[in-house]
Amino acid sequence: MLELASAYSYLTTETPAEINPILEITNHDGSVLYQKKVVEKEEKIPVGVKYLIWNILSDVNNRIVGWVNKFNVSGLTYALKT
């Protein structure tokens, strides 16, 4: 699930998101054992390529006929991969 979320973040943001739900770990006395560090990521996929992939995955005409109505969210543009 984390890998899929990371893959979609490449298409929706300028730089890929690091999916890590753990922000901080402390022990019983409040000492910090781990704290997430923010690291700048470099862009790996050109913006134009991201747009094309997002456009193809969000086009209703590219979806399997039986699945079009099952994944319909009114008023929201979204990408769907089978």
PDB file of N, CA and C in Angstrom:
ATOM      1  N   MET A   1       0.816  -1.180   0.000  1.00  0.00           N
ATOM      2  CA  MET A   1       0.000   0.000   0.000  1.00  0.00           C
ATOM      3  C   MET A   1       0.870   1.258   0.000  1.00  0.00           C
ATOM      4  N   LEU A   2       1.939   1.234   0.791  1.00  0.00           N
ATOM      5  CA  LEU A   2       2.823   2.395   0.843  1.00  0.00           C
ATOM      6  C   LEU A   2       3.512   2.626  -0.499  1.00  0.00           C
ATOM      7  N   GLU A   3       3.868   1.535  -1.186  1.00  0.00           N
ATOM      8  CA  GLU A   3       4.519   1.667  -2.489  1.00  0.00           C
ATOM      9  C   GLU A   3       3.569   2.275  -3.511  1.00  0.00           C
ATOM     10  N   LEU A   4       2.300   1.876  -3.480  1.00  0.00           N
ATOM     11  CA  LEU A   4       1.313   2.425  -4.404  1.00  0.00           C
ATOM     12  C   LEU A   4       1.083   3.909  -4.118  1.00  0.00           C
ATOM     13  N   ALA A   5       0.972   4.273  -2.858  1.00  0.00           N
ATOM     14  CA  ALA A   5       0.798   5.685  -2.497  1.00  0.00           C
ATOM     15  C   ALA A   5       1.999   6.505  -2.942  1.00  0.00           C
ATOM     16  N   SER A   6       3.176   5.949  -2.786  1.00  0.00           N
ATOM     17  CA  SER A   6       4.392   6.641  -3.222  1.00  0.00           C
ATOM     18  C   SER A   6       4.405   6.807  -4.737  1.00  0.00           C
ATOM     19  N   ALA A   7       3.991   5.775  -5.456  1.00  0.00           N
ATOM     20  CA  ALA A   7       3.956   5.850  -6.920  1.00  0.00           C
ATOM     21  C   ALA A   7       3.007   6.942  -7.387  1.00  0.00           C
ATOM     22  N   TYR A   8       1.833   7.038  -6.783  1.00  0.00           N
ATOM     23  CA  TYR A   8       0.885   8.079  -7.185  1.00  0.00           C
ATOM     24  C   TYR A   8       1.372   9.471  -6.785  1.00  0.00           C
ATOM     25  N   SER A   9       2.179   9.562  -5.735  1.00  0.00           N
ATOM     26  CA  SER A   9       2.697  10.875  -5.342  1.00  0.00           C
ATOM     27  C   SER A   9       3.636  11.434  -6.401  1.00  0.00           C
ATOM     28  N   TYR A  10       4.261  10.565  -7.176  1.00  0.00           N
ATOM     29  CA  TYR A  10       5.121  11.029  -8.265  1.00  0.00           C
ATOM     30  C   TYR A  10       4.305  11.778  -9.312  1.00  0.00           C
ATOM     31  N   LEU A  11       3.041  11.398  -9.478  1.00  0.00           N
ATOM     32  CA  LEU A  11       2.206  12.001 -10.513  1.00  0.00           C
ATOM     33  C   LEU A  11       1.507  13.270 -10.046  1.00  0.00           C
ATOM     34  N   THR A  12       1.316  13.430  -8.761  1.00  0.00           N
ATOM     35  CA  THR A  12       0.513  14.551  -8.274  1.00  0.00           C
ATOM     36  C   THR A  12       1.314  15.693  -7.664  1.00  0.00           C
ATOM     37  N   THR A  13       2.575  15.471  -7.408  1.00  0.00           N
ATOM     38  CA  THR A  13       3.393  16.521  -6.802  1.00  0.00           C
ATOM     39  C   THR A  13       4.637  16.771  -7.644  1.00  0.00           C
ATOM     40  N   GLU A  14       5.267  17.900  -7.426  1.00  0.00           N
ATOM     41  CA  GLU A  14       6.484  18.206  -8.174  1.00  0.00           C
ATOM     42  C   GLU A  14       7.641  17.315  -7.762  1.00  0.00           C
ATOM     43  N   THR A  15       7.682  16.936  -6.520  1.00  0.00           N
ATOM     44  CA  THR A  15       8.708  16.011  -6.047  1.00  0.00           C
ATOM     45  C   THR A  15       8.013  14.854  -5.347  1.00  0.00           C
ATOM     46  N   PRO A  16       8.589  13.663  -5.412  1.00  0.00           N
ATOM     47  CA  PRO A  16       7.932  12.502  -4.808  1.00  0.00           C
ATOM     48  C   PRO A  16       7.834  12.619  -3.292  1.00  0.00           C
ATOM     49  N   ALA A  17       6.730  12.153  -2.760  1.00  0.00           N
ATOM     50  CA  ALA A  17       6.531  12.179  -1.312  1.00  0.00           C
ATOM     51  C   ALA A  17       7.120  10.921  -0.696  1.00  0.00           C
ATOM     52  N   GLU A  18       7.716  11.079   0.465  1.00  0.00           N
ATOM     53  CA  GLU A  18       8.187   9.920   1.207  1.00  0.00           C
ATOM     54  C   GLU A  18       7.057   9.531   2.153  1.00  0.00           C
ATOM     55  N   ILE A  19       6.495   8.362   1.931  1.00  0.00           N
ATOM     56  CA  ILE A  19       5.372   7.903   2.740  1.00  0.00           C
ATOM     57  C   ILE A  19       5.943   7.215   3.982  1.00  0.00           C
ATOM     58  N   ASN A  20       5.814   7.868   5.114  1.00  0.00           N
ATOM     59  CA  ASN A  20       6.293   7.320   6.372  1.00  0.00           C
ATOM     60  C   ASN A  20       5.357   7.804   7.475  1.00  0.00           C
ATOM     61  N   PRO A  21       4.465   6.939   7.951  1.00  0.00           N
ATOM     62  CA  PRO A  21       3.488   7.370   8.948  1.00  0.00           C
ATOM     63  C   PRO A  21       4.087   7.603  10.339  1.00  0.00           C
ATOM     64  N   ILE A  22       5.328   7.178  10.574  1.00  0.00           N
ATOM     65  CA  ILE A  22       5.939   7.336  11.894  1.00  0.00           C
ATOM     66  C   ILE A  22       6.711   8.646  11.928  1.00  0.00           C
ATOM     67  N   LEU A  23       6.244   9.584  12.708  1.00  0.00           N
ATOM     68  CA  LEU A  23       6.893  10.886  12.821  1.00  0.00           C
ATOM     69  C   LEU A  23       7.910  10.925  13.958  1.00  0.00           C
ATOM     70  N   GLU A  24       7.583  10.248  15.064  1.00  0.00           N
ATOM     71  CA  GLU A  24       8.464  10.296  16.227  1.00  0.00           C
ATOM     72  C   GLU A  24       8.201   9.092  17.123  1.00  0.00           C
ATOM     73  N   ILE A  25       9.266   8.590  17.731  1.00  0.00           N
ATOM     74  CA  ILE A  25       9.154   7.508  18.706  1.00  0.00           C
ATOM     75  C   ILE A  25       9.826   7.985  19.990  1.00  0.00           C
ATOM     76  N   THR A  26       9.091   7.892  21.088  1.00  0.00           N
ATOM     77  CA  THR A  26       9.652   8.274  22.391  1.00  0.00           C
ATOM     78  C   THR A  26       9.535   7.097  23.352  1.00  0.00           C
ATOM     79  N   ASN A  27      10.377   7.089  24.373  1.00  0.00           N
ATOM     80  CA  ASN A  27      10.260   6.038  25.383  1.00  0.00           C
ATOM     81  C   ASN A  27       9.392   6.528  26.544  1.00  0.00           C
ATOM     82  N   HIS A  28       9.332   5.746  27.600  1.00  0.00           N
ATOM     83  CA  HIS A  28       8.427   6.034  28.719  1.00  0.00           C
ATOM     84  C   HIS A  28       8.711   7.360  29.431  1.00  0.00           C
ATOM     85  N   ASP A  29       9.957   7.830  29.401  1.00  0.00           N
ATOM     86  CA  ASP A  29      10.259   9.100  30.083  1.00  0.00           C
ATOM     87  C   ASP A  29      10.239  10.308  29.147  1.00  0.00           C
ATOM     88  N   GLY A  30       9.839  10.105  27.907  1.00  0.00           N
ATOM     89  CA  GLY A  30       9.704  11.208  26.963  1.00  0.00           C
ATOM     90  C   GLY A  30      10.924  11.471  26.104  1.00  0.00           C
ATOM     91  N   SER A  31      11.989  10.689  26.300  1.00  0.00           N
ATOM     92  CA  SER A  31      13.183  10.858  25.464  1.00  0.00           C
ATOM     93  C   SER A  31      12.880  10.418  24.038  1.00  0.00           C
ATOM     94  N   VAL A  32      13.334  11.203  23.091  1.00  0.00           N
ATOM     95  CA  VAL A  32      13.083  10.899  21.683  1.00  0.00           C
ATOM     96  C   VAL A  32      14.070   9.838  21.217  1.00  0.00           C
ATOM     97  N   LEU A  33      13.534   8.699  20.752  1.00  0.00           N
ATOM     98  CA  LEU A  33      14.367   7.627  20.221  1.00  0.00           C
ATOM     99  C   LEU A  33      14.534   7.759  18.709  1.00  0.00           C
ATOM    100  N   TYR A  34      13.500   8.269  18.061  1.00  0.00           N
ATOM    101  CA  TYR A  34      13.528   8.448  16.607  1.00  0.00           C
ATOM    102  C   TYR A  34      12.685   9.662  16.261  1.00  0.00           C
ATOM    103  N   GLN A  35      13.175  10.474  15.335  1.00  0.00           N
ATOM    104  CA  GLN A  35      12.391  11.589  14.815  1.00  0.00           C
ATOM    105  C   GLN A  35      12.607  11.649  13.311  1.00  0.00           C
ATOM    106  N   LYS A  36      11.509  11.716  12.582  1.00  0.00           N
ATOM    107  CA  LYS A  36      11.576  11.741  11.126  1.00  0.00           C
ATOM    108  C   LYS A  36      12.303  12.998  10.654  1.00  0.00           C
ATOM    109  N   LYS A  37      13.224  12.813   9.728  1.00  0.00           N
ATOM    110  CA  LYS A  37      13.957  13.936   9.155  1.00  0.00           C
ATOM    111  C   LYS A  37      13.370  14.272   7.793  1.00  0.00           C
ATOM    112  N   VAL A  38      13.176  15.556   7.537  1.00  0.00           N
ATOM    113  CA  VAL A  38      12.668  16.005   6.244  1.00  0.00           C
ATOM    114  C   VAL A  38      13.849  16.107   5.288  1.00  0.00           C
ATOM    115  N   VAL A  39      13.749  15.380   4.182  1.00  0.00           N
ATOM    116  CA  VAL A  39      14.819  15.355   3.194  1.00  0.00           C
ATOM    117  C   VAL A  39      14.269  15.873   1.875  1.00  0.00           C
ATOM    118  N   GLU A  40      14.969  16.807   1.255  1.00  0.00           N
ATOM    119  CA  GLU A  40      14.554  17.315  -0.059  1.00  0.00           C
ATOM    120  C   GLU A  40      14.748  16.226  -1.102  1.00  0.00           C
ATOM    121  N   LYS A  41      13.734  16.017  -1.896  1.00  0.00           N
ATOM    122  CA  LYS A  41      13.804  15.023  -2.969  1.00  0.00           C
ATOM    123  C   LYS A  41      13.977  15.734  -4.298  1.00  0.00           C
ATOM    124  N   GLU A  42      14.689  15.096  -5.190  1.00  0.00           N
ATOM    125  CA  GLU A  42      14.836  15.662  -6.524  1.00  0.00           C
ATOM    126  C   GLU A  42      13.754  15.103  -7.438  1.00  0.00           C
ATOM    127  N   GLU A  43      13.386  15.873  -8.431  1.00  0.00           N
ATOM    128  CA  GLU A  43      12.351  15.453  -9.366  1.00  0.00           C
ATOM    129  C   GLU A  43      12.915  14.382 -10.290  1.00  0.00           C
ATOM    130  N   LYS A  44      12.244  13.237 -10.357  1.00  0.00           N
ATOM    131  CA  LYS A  44      12.721  12.118 -11.159  1.00  0.00           C
ATOM    132  C   LYS A  44      11.983  12.002 -12.490  1.00  0.00           C
ATOM    133  N   ILE A  45      10.727  12.435 -12.511  1.00  0.00           N
ATOM    134  CA  ILE A  45       9.916  12.342 -13.726  1.00  0.00           C
ATOM    135  C   ILE A  45       9.588  13.760 -14.181  1.00  0.00           C
ATOM    136  N   PRO A  46       9.870  14.093 -15.452  1.00  0.00           N
ATOM    137  CA  PRO A  46       9.549  15.441 -15.944  1.00  0.00           C
ATOM    138  C   PRO A  46       8.055  15.752 -15.811  1.00  0.00           C
ATOM    139  N   VAL A  47       7.739  17.018 -15.560  1.00  0.00           N
ATOM    140  CA  VAL A  47       6.358  17.449 -15.339  1.00  0.00           C
ATOM    141  C   VAL A  47       5.459  17.055 -16.509  1.00  0.00           C
ATOM    142  N   GLY A  48       5.918  17.204 -17.743  1.00  0.00           N
ATOM    143  CA  GLY A  48       5.113  16.855 -18.913  1.00  0.00           C
ATOM    144  C   GLY A  48       4.750  15.385 -18.955  1.00  0.00           C
ATOM    145  N   VAL A  49       5.679  14.530 -18.577  1.00  0.00           N
ATOM    146  CA  VAL A  49       5.423  13.086 -18.549  1.00  0.00           C
ATOM    147  C   VAL A  49       4.412  12.758 -17.459  1.00  0.00           C
ATOM    148  N   LYS A  50       4.543  13.408 -16.297  1.00  0.00           N
ATOM    149  CA  LYS A  50       3.567  13.203 -15.218  1.00  0.00           C
ATOM    150  C   LYS A  50       2.161  13.568 -15.676  1.00  0.00           C
ATOM    151  N   TYR A  51       2.055  14.696 -16.361  1.00  0.00           N
ATOM    152  CA  TYR A  51       0.748  15.145 -16.842  1.00  0.00           C
ATOM    153  C   TYR A  51       0.147  14.118 -17.795  1.00  0.00           C
ATOM    154  N   LEU A  52       0.945  13.598 -18.716  1.00  0.00           N
ATOM    155  CA  LEU A  52       0.434  12.624 -19.682  1.00  0.00           C
ATOM    156  C   LEU A  52      -0.039  11.350 -18.990  1.00  0.00           C
ATOM    157  N   ILE A  53       0.730  10.847 -18.048  1.00  0.00           N
ATOM    158  CA  ILE A  53       0.332   9.632 -17.326  1.00  0.00           C
ATOM    159  C   ILE A  53      -0.948   9.881 -16.536  1.00  0.00           C
ATOM    160  N   TRP A  54      -1.007  11.005 -15.819  1.00  0.00           N
ATOM    161  CA  TRP A  54      -2.205  11.340 -15.034  1.00  0.00           C
ATOM    162  C   TRP A  54      -3.419  11.483 -15.946  1.00  0.00           C
ATOM    163  N   ASN A  55      -3.236  12.124 -17.082  1.00  0.00           N
ATOM    164  CA  ASN A  55      -4.326  12.337 -18.025  1.00  0.00           C
ATOM    165  C   ASN A  55      -4.855  11.007 -18.557  1.00  0.00           C
ATOM    166  N   ILE A  56      -3.968  10.096 -18.890  1.00  0.00           N
ATOM    167  CA  ILE A  56      -4.381   8.785 -19.398  1.00  0.00           C
ATOM    168  C   ILE A  56      -5.114   8.000 -18.311  1.00  0.00           C
ATOM    169  N   LEU A  57      -4.576   7.973 -17.092  1.00  0.00           N
ATOM    170  CA  LEU A  57      -5.193   7.204 -16.008  1.00  0.00           C
ATOM    171  C   LEU A  57      -6.504   7.811 -15.517  1.00  0.00           C
ATOM    172  N   SER A  58      -6.701   9.105 -15.733  1.00  0.00           N
ATOM    173  CA  SER A  58      -7.936   9.738 -15.267  1.00  0.00           C
ATOM    174  C   SER A  58      -9.012   9.825 -16.346  1.00  0.00           C
ATOM    175  N   ASP A  59      -8.703   9.393 -17.558  1.00  0.00           N
ATOM    176  CA  ASP A  59      -9.666   9.439 -18.662  1.00  0.00           C
ATOM    177  C   ASP A  59     -10.648   8.276 -18.547  1.00  0.00           C
ATOM    178  N   VAL A  60     -11.928   8.580 -18.398  1.00  0.00           N
ATOM    179  CA  VAL A  60     -12.971   7.561 -18.237  1.00  0.00           C
ATOM    180  C   VAL A  60     -13.013   6.618 -19.437  1.00  0.00           C
ATOM    181  N   ASN A  61     -12.701   7.112 -20.616  1.00  0.00           N
ATOM    182  CA  ASN A  61     -12.746   6.288 -21.826  1.00  0.00           C
ATOM    183  C   ASN A  61     -11.663   5.214 -21.853  1.00  0.00           C
ATOM    184  N   ASN A  62     -10.658   5.314 -21.022  1.00  0.00           N
ATOM    185  CA  ASN A  62      -9.591   4.315 -20.968  1.00  0.00           C
ATOM    186  C   ASN A  62      -9.861   3.220 -19.944  1.00  0.00           C
ATOM    187  N   ARG A  63     -10.978   3.276 -19.258  1.00  0.00           N
ATOM    188  CA  ARG A  63     -11.285   2.298 -18.214  1.00  0.00           C
ATOM    189  C   ARG A  63     -12.044   1.107 -18.778  1.00  0.00           C
ATOM    190  N   ILE A  64     -11.949   0.000 -18.082  1.00  0.00           N
ATOM    191  CA  ILE A  64     -12.673  -1.204 -18.470  1.00  0.00           C
ATOM    192  C   ILE A  64     -14.162  -0.919 -18.347  1.00  0.00           C
ATOM    193  N   VAL A  65     -14.928  -1.353 -19.336  1.00  0.00           N
ATOM    194  CA  VAL A  65     -16.354  -1.018 -19.426  1.00  0.00           C
ATOM    195  C   VAL A  65     -17.112  -1.350 -18.141  1.00  0.00           C
ATOM    196  N   GLY A  66     -16.920  -2.501 -17.568  1.00  0.00           N
ATOM    197  CA  GLY A  66     -17.650  -2.902 -16.370  1.00  0.00           C
ATOM    198  C   GLY A  66     -17.255  -2.149 -15.110  1.00  0.00           C
ATOM    199  N   TRP A  67     -16.127  -1.465 -15.143  1.00  0.00           N
ATOM    200  CA  TRP A  67     -15.625  -0.791 -13.950  1.00  0.00           C
ATOM    201  C   TRP A  67     -15.961   0.687 -13.893  1.00  0.00           C
ATOM    202  N   VAL A  68     -16.436   1.260 -14.987  1.00  0.00           N
ATOM    203  CA  VAL A  68     -16.659   2.706 -15.053  1.00  0.00           C
ATOM    204  C   VAL A  68     -17.594   3.179 -13.944  1.00  0.00           C
ATOM    205  N   ASN A  69     -18.712   2.512 -13.744  1.00  0.00           N
ATOM    206  CA  ASN A  69     -19.688   2.949 -12.741  1.00  0.00           C
ATOM    207  C   ASN A  69     -19.292   2.577 -11.314  1.00  0.00           C
ATOM    208  N   LYS A  70     -18.463   1.559 -11.140  1.00  0.00           N
ATOM    209  CA  LYS A  70     -18.077   1.124  -9.798  1.00  0.00           C
ATOM    210  C   LYS A  70     -17.157   2.122  -9.104  1.00  0.00           C
ATOM    211  N   PHE A  71     -16.401   2.864  -9.887  1.00  0.00           N
ATOM    212  CA  PHE A  71     -15.431   3.790  -9.306  1.00  0.00           C
ATOM    213  C   PHE A  71     -15.752   5.237  -9.643  1.00  0.00           C
ATOM    214  N   ASN A  72     -17.018   5.569  -9.773  1.00  0.00           N
ATOM    215  CA  ASN A  72     -17.413   6.926 -10.121  1.00  0.00           C
ATOM    216  C   ASN A  72     -17.534   7.779  -8.859  1.00  0.00           C
ATOM    217  N   VAL A  73     -16.788   8.872  -8.819  1.00  0.00           N
ATOM    218  CA  VAL A  73     -16.865   9.822  -7.711  1.00  0.00           C
ATOM    219  C   VAL A  73     -17.292  11.152  -8.321  1.00  0.00           C
ATOM    220  N   SER A  74     -18.518  11.550  -8.065  1.00  0.00           N
ATOM    221  CA  SER A  74     -19.081  12.744  -8.678  1.00  0.00           C
ATOM    222  C   SER A  74     -18.299  14.000  -8.308  1.00  0.00           C
ATOM    223  N   GLY A  75     -17.942  14.785  -9.328  1.00  0.00           N
ATOM    224  CA  GLY A  75     -17.269  16.061  -9.110  1.00  0.00           C
ATOM    225  C   GLY A  75     -15.787  15.971  -8.795  1.00  0.00           C
ATOM    226  N   LEU A  76     -15.197  14.783  -8.914  1.00  0.00           N
ATOM    227  CA  LEU A  76     -13.786  14.602  -8.577  1.00  0.00           C
ATOM    228  C   LEU A  76     -13.059  13.954  -9.745  1.00  0.00           C
ATOM    229  N   THR A  77     -11.947  14.544 -10.151  1.00  0.00           N
ATOM    230  CA  THR A  77     -11.114  13.934 -11.179  1.00  0.00           C
ATOM    231  C   THR A  77     -10.062  13.100 -10.476  1.00  0.00           C
ATOM    232  N   TYR A  78      -9.963  11.840 -10.845  1.00  0.00           N
ATOM    233  CA  TYR A  78      -9.024  10.937 -10.197  1.00  0.00           C
ATOM    234  C   TYR A  78      -8.471   9.963 -11.216  1.00  0.00           C
ATOM    235  N   ALA A  79      -7.320   9.417 -10.923  1.00  0.00           N
ATOM    236  CA  ALA A  79      -6.695   8.428 -11.793  1.00  0.00           C
ATOM    237  C   ALA A  79      -7.023   7.047 -11.254  1.00  0.00           C
ATOM    238  N   LEU A  80      -7.200   6.106 -12.162  1.00  0.00           N
ATOM    239  CA  LEU A  80      -7.544   4.746 -11.767  1.00  0.00           C
ATOM    240  C   LEU A  80      -6.681   3.775 -12.542  1.00  0.00           C
ATOM    241  N   LYS A  81      -6.005   2.911 -11.831  1.00  0.00           N
ATOM    242  CA  LYS A  81      -5.187   1.887 -12.459  1.00  0.00           C
ATOM    243  C   LYS A  81      -5.772   0.543 -12.076  1.00  0.00           C
ATOM    244  N   THR A  82      -5.884  -0.361 -13.066  1.00  0.00           N
ATOM    245  CA  THR A  82      -6.434  -1.688 -12.786  1.00  0.00           C
ATOM    246  C   THR A  82      -5.362  -2.646 -12.362  1.00  0.00           C
TER     247      THR A  82
END
